[in-house]
Amino acid sequence: MAYRITVDMSERKLYLYQDSELVKTYPVGIGRVLSQTPQGEFMIVNKVPNPGGPFGAFWMGLSKRHYGIHGTNDPASIGKRVSHGCIRMHNKDVLELAKRVPLGTHVTIRP
């Protein structure tokens, strides 16, 4: 059972796949125009519960340093271009995702 994640920035959605089957879709917030979310192929390299500050209930760091998928203390920001480049999720969603995906999970971020 291999998981992979695709983030579609134009749709502001995160898609979770198990093997080749779509298992869940989550709404996300993405980077502002001046601090855009990076596009490309990455991996989840660390996981931190309760990281504090604006990162909500959970942080999953990507292989691109200083970028990650995380919760938020501002749920109204989901679906908008508001972050400094990270992928924001509702806290309940990021906790659910973090339980499922292991370190090394492949993440594709596309326009």
C-alpha atoms as a PDB file:
ATOM      1  CA  MET A   1       0.000   0.000   0.000  1.00  0.00           C
ATOM      2  CA  ALA A   2       1.866   3.022  -1.256  1.00  0.00           C
ATOM      3  CA  TYR A   3       0.452   6.489  -0.700  1.00  0.00           C
ATOM      4  CA  ARG A   4       1.125   9.546  -2.807  1.00  0.00           C
ATOM      5  CA  ILE A   5      -0.145  13.101  -2.672  1.00  0.00           C
ATOM      6  CA  THR A   6      -0.947  15.505  -5.482  1.00  0.00           C
ATOM      7  CA  VAL A   7      -1.613  19.175  -4.771  1.00  0.00           C
ATOM      8  CA  ASP A   8      -3.425  21.015  -7.566  1.00  0.00           C
ATOM      9  CA  MET A   9      -2.886  24.712  -6.929  1.00  0.00           C
ATOM     10  CA  SER A  10      -5.439  25.930  -9.475  1.00  0.00           C
ATOM     11  CA  GLU A  11      -8.126  23.856  -7.760  1.00  0.00           C
ATOM     12  CA  ARG A  12      -6.671  24.461  -4.271  1.00  0.00           C
ATOM     13  CA  LYS A  13      -7.109  20.779  -3.494  1.00  0.00           C
ATOM     14  CA  LEU A  14      -4.898  18.033  -2.118  1.00  0.00           C
ATOM     15  CA  TYR A  15      -5.543  14.551  -3.483  1.00  0.00           C
ATOM     16  CA  LEU A  16      -4.484  11.466  -1.535  1.00  0.00           C
ATOM     17  CA  TYR A  17      -3.945   8.286  -3.551  1.00  0.00           C
ATOM     18  CA  GLN A  18      -3.383   4.773  -2.279  1.00  0.00           C
ATOM     19  CA  ASP A  19      -1.629   2.830  -4.994  1.00  0.00           C
ATOM     20  CA  SER A  20      -3.432   4.296  -8.039  1.00  0.00           C
ATOM     21  CA  GLU A  21      -6.809   4.856  -6.389  1.00  0.00           C
ATOM     22  CA  LEU A  22      -8.017   8.257  -5.154  1.00  0.00           C
ATOM     23  CA  VAL A  23      -9.017   7.835  -1.512  1.00  0.00           C
ATOM     24  CA  LYS A  24      -9.558  11.403  -0.260  1.00  0.00           C
ATOM     25  CA  THR A  25      -9.676  15.023  -1.410  1.00  0.00           C
ATOM     26  CA  TYR A  26      -8.983  17.950   0.918  1.00  0.00           C
ATOM     27  CA  PRO A  27      -9.295  21.725   0.415  1.00  0.00           C
ATOM     28  CA  VAL A  28      -6.039  23.643   0.935  1.00  0.00           C
ATOM     29  CA  GLY A  29      -4.626  27.136   1.108  1.00  0.00           C
ATOM     30  CA  ILE A  30      -1.532  27.939  -0.942  1.00  0.00           C
ATOM     31  CA  GLY A  31       1.177  30.593  -1.241  1.00  0.00           C
ATOM     32  CA  ARG A  32       0.586  34.208  -2.128  1.00  0.00           C
ATOM     33  CA  VAL A  33       1.627  35.595  -5.492  1.00  0.00           C
ATOM     34  CA  LEU A  34       4.844  36.997  -3.980  1.00  0.00           C
ATOM     35  CA  SER A  35       5.609  33.848  -1.967  1.00  0.00           C
ATOM     36  CA  GLN A  36       4.344  31.123  -4.244  1.00  0.00           C
ATOM     37  CA  THR A  37       4.085  27.477  -3.373  1.00  0.00           C
ATOM     38  CA  PRO A  38       6.905  25.623  -5.161  1.00  0.00           C
ATOM     39  CA  GLN A  39       5.929  23.316  -8.009  1.00  0.00           C
ATOM     40  CA  GLY A  40       7.529  19.957  -8.597  1.00  0.00           C
ATOM     41  CA  GLU A  41       8.220  16.578  -7.025  1.00  0.00           C
ATOM     42  CA  PHE A  42       8.978  16.308  -3.319  1.00  0.00           C
ATOM     43  CA  MET A  43       8.835  13.872  -0.388  1.00  0.00           C
ATOM     44  CA  ILE A  44       7.642  14.137   3.186  1.00  0.00           C
ATOM     45  CA  VAL A  45      10.845  14.200   5.222  1.00  0.00           C
ATOM     46  CA  ASN A  46       9.615  14.934   8.756  1.00  0.00           C
ATOM     47  CA  LYS A  47       6.448  15.015  10.835  1.00  0.00           C
ATOM     48  CA  VAL A  48       5.918  17.191  13.889  1.00  0.00           C
ATOM     49  CA  PRO A  49       2.753  17.167  16.027  1.00  0.00           C
ATOM     50  CA  ASN A  50       1.731  20.492  17.623  1.00  0.00           C
ATOM     51  CA  PRO A  51       4.525  22.596  16.082  1.00  0.00           C
ATOM     52  CA  GLY A  52       3.082  25.807  17.526  1.00  0.00           C
ATOM     53  CA  GLY A  53       2.536  29.202  15.967  1.00  0.00           C
ATOM     54  CA  PRO A  54       0.602  29.438  12.721  1.00  0.00           C
ATOM     55  CA  PHE A  55       1.248  25.785  11.807  1.00  0.00           C
ATOM     56  CA  GLY A  56      -1.826  24.407  13.520  1.00  0.00           C
ATOM     57  CA  ALA A  57      -2.065  20.867  14.818  1.00  0.00           C
ATOM     58  CA  PHE A  58       0.579  19.183  12.642  1.00  0.00           C
ATOM     59  CA  TRP A  59       3.556  19.862  10.338  1.00  0.00           C
ATOM     60  CA  MET A  60       4.823  17.573   7.574  1.00  0.00           C
ATOM     61  CA  GLY A  61       8.039  18.954   6.131  1.00  0.00           C
ATOM     62  CA  LEU A  62       8.821  18.536   2.450  1.00  0.00           C
ATOM     63  CA  SER A  63      12.171  17.740   0.853  1.00  0.00           C
ATOM     64  CA  LYS A  64      12.257  21.395  -0.278  1.00  0.00           C
ATOM     65  CA  ARG A  65      13.621  23.037   2.851  1.00  0.00           C
ATOM     66  CA  HIS A  66      11.312  25.407   4.754  1.00  0.00           C
ATOM     67  CA  TYR A  67       8.181  24.166   2.946  1.00  0.00           C
ATOM     68  CA  GLY A  68       5.573  21.783   4.221  1.00  0.00           C
ATOM     69  CA  ILE A  69       1.982  20.677   4.561  1.00  0.00           C
ATOM     70  CA  HIS A  70       0.513  21.888   7.836  1.00  0.00           C
ATOM     71  CA  GLY A  71      -2.572  22.832   9.785  1.00  0.00           C
ATOM     72  CA  THR A  72      -3.554  26.412  10.476  1.00  0.00           C
ATOM     73  CA  ASN A  73      -4.733  28.649  13.261  1.00  0.00           C
ATOM     74  CA  ASP A  74      -6.759  30.561  10.611  1.00  0.00           C
ATOM     75  CA  PRO A  75      -9.320  28.155   9.093  1.00  0.00           C
ATOM     76  CA  ALA A  76     -10.788  30.964   6.935  1.00  0.00           C
ATOM     77  CA  SER A  77      -7.524  30.909   4.937  1.00  0.00           C
ATOM     78  CA  ILE A  78      -8.257  27.482   3.421  1.00  0.00           C
ATOM     79  CA  GLY A  79      -9.019  27.816  -0.277  1.00  0.00           C
ATOM     80  CA  LYS A  80      -7.086  31.069  -0.605  1.00  0.00           C
ATOM     81  CA  ARG A  81      -3.649  32.336  -1.637  1.00  0.00           C
ATOM     82  CA  VAL A  82      -2.414  33.429   1.777  1.00  0.00           C
ATOM     83  CA  SER A  83       0.597  31.418   2.948  1.00  0.00           C
ATOM     84  CA  HIS A  84       4.315  32.039   2.584  1.00  0.00           C
ATOM     85  CA  GLY A  85       4.463  29.058   0.222  1.00  0.00           C
ATOM     86  CA  CYS A  86       3.338  26.142   2.370  1.00  0.00           C
ATOM     87  CA  ILE A  87       0.218  24.033   1.878  1.00  0.00           C
ATOM     88  CA  ARG A  88      -2.332  24.829   4.603  1.00  0.00           C
ATOM     89  CA  MET A  89      -5.046  22.425   5.679  1.00  0.00           C
ATOM     90  CA  HIS A  90      -7.818  22.379   8.259  1.00  0.00           C
ATOM     91  CA  ASN A  91      -6.392  20.932  11.473  1.00  0.00           C
ATOM     92  CA  LYS A  92      -8.723  17.911  11.446  1.00  0.00           C
ATOM     93  CA  ASP A  93      -7.707  17.195   7.833  1.00  0.00           C
ATOM     94  CA  VAL A  94      -3.956  17.448   8.413  1.00  0.00           C
ATOM     95  CA  LEU A  95      -4.245  15.155  11.441  1.00  0.00           C
ATOM     96  CA  GLU A  96      -6.136  12.580   9.367  1.00  0.00           C
ATOM     97  CA  LEU A  97      -3.609  12.826   6.532  1.00  0.00           C
ATOM     98  CA  ALA A  98      -0.623  12.593   8.884  1.00  0.00           C
ATOM     99  CA  LYS A  99      -1.947   9.352  10.386  1.00  0.00           C
ATOM    100  CA  ARG A 100      -2.129   7.766   6.946  1.00  0.00           C
ATOM    101  CA  VAL A 101       1.025   8.814   5.155  1.00  0.00           C
ATOM    102  CA  PRO A 102       4.515   7.711   6.208  1.00  0.00           C
ATOM    103  CA  LEU A 103       7.795   9.546   5.864  1.00  0.00           C
ATOM    104  CA  GLY A 104       9.000   9.266   2.285  1.00  0.00           C
ATOM    105  CA  THR A 105       5.521   9.752   0.793  1.00  0.00           C
ATOM    106  CA  HIS A 106       5.811  11.280  -2.685  1.00  0.00           C
ATOM    107  CA  VAL A 107       4.227  14.735  -3.106  1.00  0.00           C
ATOM    108  CA  THR A 108       3.572  16.339  -6.500  1.00  0.00           C
ATOM    109  CA  ILE A 109       2.676  20.034  -6.548  1.00  0.00           C
ATOM    110  CA  ARG A 110       1.303  21.209  -9.865  1.00  0.00           C
ATOM    111  CA  PRO A 111      -0.049  24.521 -11.132  1.00  0.00           C
END
